Amino acid sequence: MVYLVTLNMKVAISRLEIKAQILNILERRGCWGSCQIPKDTIINWLGKKVLDNGKSVSKVIDDLWQDRLIWYHNKQETISLNPHRKQEIYDYIDKYIT
């Protein structure tokens, strides 16, 4: 279990919810296929909210890649969503983000 810091309160957040947050960020920014965002940027954004400073966020990104929901580009420095799994990504976001 990872903890999310919100308004000086600690809220428990699971790895599944972190995955959904990453997918949601990429989807909102339109990062499908060839449109990419740096991996470090995602780690920094979520690392400010998660207590372990993004170490688990990096592992979750690797899990998403193994599940083939995201693609790596530029020697694994940038990531984007897999457009072939669009419906699966939307379902995952809807399931874990309220």
C-alpha atoms as a PDB file:
ATOM      1  CA  MET A   1       0.000   0.000   0.000  1.00  0.00           C
ATOM      2  CA  VAL A   2       1.279   3.440  -0.940  1.00  0.00           C
ATOM      3  CA  TYR A   3       0.138   6.623   0.755  1.00  0.00           C
ATOM      4  CA  LEU A   4      -1.035   9.722  -1.076  1.00  0.00           C
ATOM      5  CA  VAL A   5      -0.514  13.092   0.626  1.00  0.00           C
ATOM      6  CA  THR A   6      -3.505  15.410   0.225  1.00  0.00           C
ATOM      7  CA  LEU A   7      -4.023  18.611   2.232  1.00  0.00           C
ATOM      8  CA  ASN A   8      -1.685  17.416   4.979  1.00  0.00           C
ATOM      9  CA  MET A   9      -3.635  14.167   5.240  1.00  0.00           C
ATOM     10  CA  LYS A  10      -2.357  10.705   4.372  1.00  0.00           C
ATOM     11  CA  VAL A  11      -4.690   8.735   2.141  1.00  0.00           C
ATOM     12  CA  ALA A  12      -3.992   5.114   1.244  1.00  0.00           C
ATOM     13  CA  ILE A  13      -3.675   4.501  -2.491  1.00  0.00           C
ATOM     14  CA  SER A  14      -3.081   1.144  -4.134  1.00  0.00           C
ATOM     15  CA  ARG A  15      -0.838   0.314  -7.078  1.00  0.00           C
ATOM     16  CA  LEU A  16      -3.966  -0.179  -9.191  1.00  0.00           C
ATOM     17  CA  GLU A  17      -5.053   3.379  -8.440  1.00  0.00           C
ATOM     18  CA  ILE A  18      -1.584   4.684  -9.306  1.00  0.00           C
ATOM     19  CA  LYS A  19      -1.831   2.847 -12.636  1.00  0.00           C
ATOM     20  CA  ALA A  20      -5.199   4.460 -13.265  1.00  0.00           C
ATOM     21  CA  GLN A  21      -3.787   7.906 -12.401  1.00  0.00           C
ATOM     22  CA  ILE A  22      -0.925   7.462 -14.873  1.00  0.00           C
ATOM     23  CA  LEU A  23      -3.287   6.314 -17.613  1.00  0.00           C
ATOM     24  CA  ASN A  24      -5.613   9.215 -16.834  1.00  0.00           C
ATOM     25  CA  ILE A  25      -2.795  11.772 -17.068  1.00  0.00           C
ATOM     26  CA  LEU A  26      -1.659  10.387 -20.412  1.00  0.00           C
ATOM     27  CA  GLU A  27      -5.230  10.243 -21.750  1.00  0.00           C
ATOM     28  CA  ARG A  28      -6.072  13.812 -20.694  1.00  0.00           C
ATOM     29  CA  ARG A  29      -2.955  15.085 -22.443  1.00  0.00           C
ATOM     30  CA  GLY A  30      -3.738  13.125 -25.598  1.00  0.00           C
ATOM     31  CA  CYS A  31      -0.566  11.034 -25.500  1.00  0.00           C
ATOM     32  CA  TRP A  32      -1.627   8.248 -27.874  1.00  0.00           C
ATOM     33  CA  GLY A  33       0.886   6.496 -30.129  1.00  0.00           C
ATOM     34  CA  SER A  34       3.461   8.923 -31.466  1.00  0.00           C
ATOM     35  CA  CYS A  35       2.546  11.776 -29.083  1.00  0.00           C
ATOM     36  CA  GLN A  36       4.751  11.212 -26.035  1.00  0.00           C
ATOM     37  CA  ILE A  37       5.484  12.624 -22.587  1.00  0.00           C
ATOM     38  CA  PRO A  38       8.738  12.188 -20.627  1.00  0.00           C
ATOM     39  CA  LYS A  39       8.643   9.369 -18.083  1.00  0.00           C
ATOM     40  CA  ASP A  40      10.428  11.554 -15.514  1.00  0.00           C
ATOM     41  CA  THR A  41       7.651  14.155 -15.747  1.00  0.00           C
ATOM     42  CA  ILE A  42       5.006  11.612 -14.741  1.00  0.00           C
ATOM     43  CA  ILE A  43       7.231  10.344 -11.918  1.00  0.00           C
ATOM     44  CA  ASN A  44       7.777  13.908 -10.635  1.00  0.00           C
ATOM     45  CA  TRP A  45       4.060  14.819 -10.783  1.00  0.00           C
ATOM     46  CA  LEU A  46       2.912  11.747  -8.898  1.00  0.00           C
ATOM     47  CA  GLY A  47       6.052  11.590  -6.753  1.00  0.00           C
ATOM     48  CA  LYS A  48       5.024  14.838  -5.069  1.00  0.00           C
ATOM     49  CA  LYS A  49       1.794  13.196  -3.903  1.00  0.00           C
ATOM     50  CA  VAL A  50       3.095   9.719  -3.044  1.00  0.00           C
ATOM     51  CA  LEU A  51       5.240   9.414   0.073  1.00  0.00           C
ATOM     52  CA  ASP A  52       8.075   7.340  -1.382  1.00  0.00           C
ATOM     53  CA  ASN A  53       8.971  10.119  -3.852  1.00  0.00           C
ATOM     54  CA  GLY A  54       7.999   8.244  -6.989  1.00  0.00           C
ATOM     55  CA  LYS A  55       9.951   5.020  -6.555  1.00  0.00           C
ATOM     56  CA  SER A  56       6.753   2.997  -6.765  1.00  0.00           C
ATOM     57  CA  VAL A  57       5.524   5.168  -9.674  1.00  0.00           C
ATOM     58  CA  SER A  58       8.502   4.057 -11.754  1.00  0.00           C
ATOM     59  CA  LYS A  59       7.733   0.414 -10.972  1.00  0.00           C
ATOM     60  CA  VAL A  60       4.067   0.918 -11.871  1.00  0.00           C
ATOM     61  CA  ILE A  61       5.066   2.430 -15.235  1.00  0.00           C
ATOM     62  CA  ASP A  62       7.106  -0.695 -15.924  1.00  0.00           C
ATOM     63  CA  ASP A  63       4.069  -2.823 -14.986  1.00  0.00           C
ATOM     64  CA  LEU A  64       1.922  -0.861 -17.449  1.00  0.00           C
ATOM     65  CA  TRP A  65       4.503  -1.507 -20.150  1.00  0.00           C
ATOM     66  CA  GLN A  66       4.498  -5.232 -19.385  1.00  0.00           C
ATOM     67  CA  ASP A  67       0.688  -5.176 -19.642  1.00  0.00           C
ATOM     68  CA  ARG A  68       1.132  -3.447 -23.040  1.00  0.00           C
ATOM     69  CA  LEU A  69      -1.051  -0.507 -22.029  1.00  0.00           C
ATOM     70  CA  ILE A  70       1.755   1.980 -22.688  1.00  0.00           C
ATOM     71  CA  TRP A  71       4.648   2.162 -25.129  1.00  0.00           C
ATOM     72  CA  TYR A  72       8.204   3.296 -24.468  1.00  0.00           C
ATOM     73  CA  HIS A  73       9.935   5.632 -26.926  1.00  0.00           C
ATOM     74  CA  ASN A  74      13.398   7.204 -27.177  1.00  0.00           C
ATOM     75  CA  LYS A  75      15.342   4.575 -25.229  1.00  0.00           C
ATOM     76  CA  GLN A  76      12.616   4.304 -22.563  1.00  0.00           C
ATOM     77  CA  GLU A  77      12.728   8.022 -21.727  1.00  0.00           C
ATOM     78  CA  THR A  78       9.247   8.886 -23.012  1.00  0.00           C
ATOM     79  CA  ILE A  79       5.931   7.031 -22.854  1.00  0.00           C
ATOM     80  CA  SER A  80       2.586   7.064 -24.627  1.00  0.00           C
ATOM     81  CA  LEU A  81      -0.653   5.106 -24.519  1.00  0.00           C
ATOM     82  CA  ASN A  82      -1.123   2.081 -26.755  1.00  0.00           C
ATOM     83  CA  PRO A  83      -3.911   3.076 -29.211  1.00  0.00           C
ATOM     84  CA  HIS A  84      -4.684  -0.595 -29.897  1.00  0.00           C
ATOM     85  CA  ARG A  85      -5.837  -0.993 -26.274  1.00  0.00           C
ATOM     86  CA  LYS A  86      -7.967   2.162 -26.168  1.00  0.00           C
ATOM     87  CA  GLN A  87     -11.155   0.572 -24.802  1.00  0.00           C
ATOM     88  CA  GLU A  88      -9.241  -1.403 -22.173  1.00  0.00           C
ATOM     89  CA  ILE A  89      -7.527   1.807 -21.014  1.00  0.00           C
ATOM     90  CA  TYR A  90     -10.838   3.687 -20.750  1.00  0.00           C
ATOM     91  CA  ASP A  91     -12.391   0.805 -18.800  1.00  0.00           C
ATOM     92  CA  TYR A  92      -9.397   0.720 -16.420  1.00  0.00           C
ATOM     93  CA  ILE A  93      -9.625   4.469 -15.777  1.00  0.00           C
ATOM     94  CA  ASP A  94     -13.388   4.302 -15.169  1.00  0.00           C
ATOM     95  CA  LYS A  95     -12.989   1.382 -12.787  1.00  0.00           C
ATOM     96  CA  TYR A  96     -10.389   2.922 -10.459  1.00  0.00           C
ATOM     97  CA  ILE A  97     -10.956   6.688 -10.710  1.00  0.00           C
ATOM     98  CA  THR A  98     -14.211   7.998  -9.323  1.00  0.00           C
END
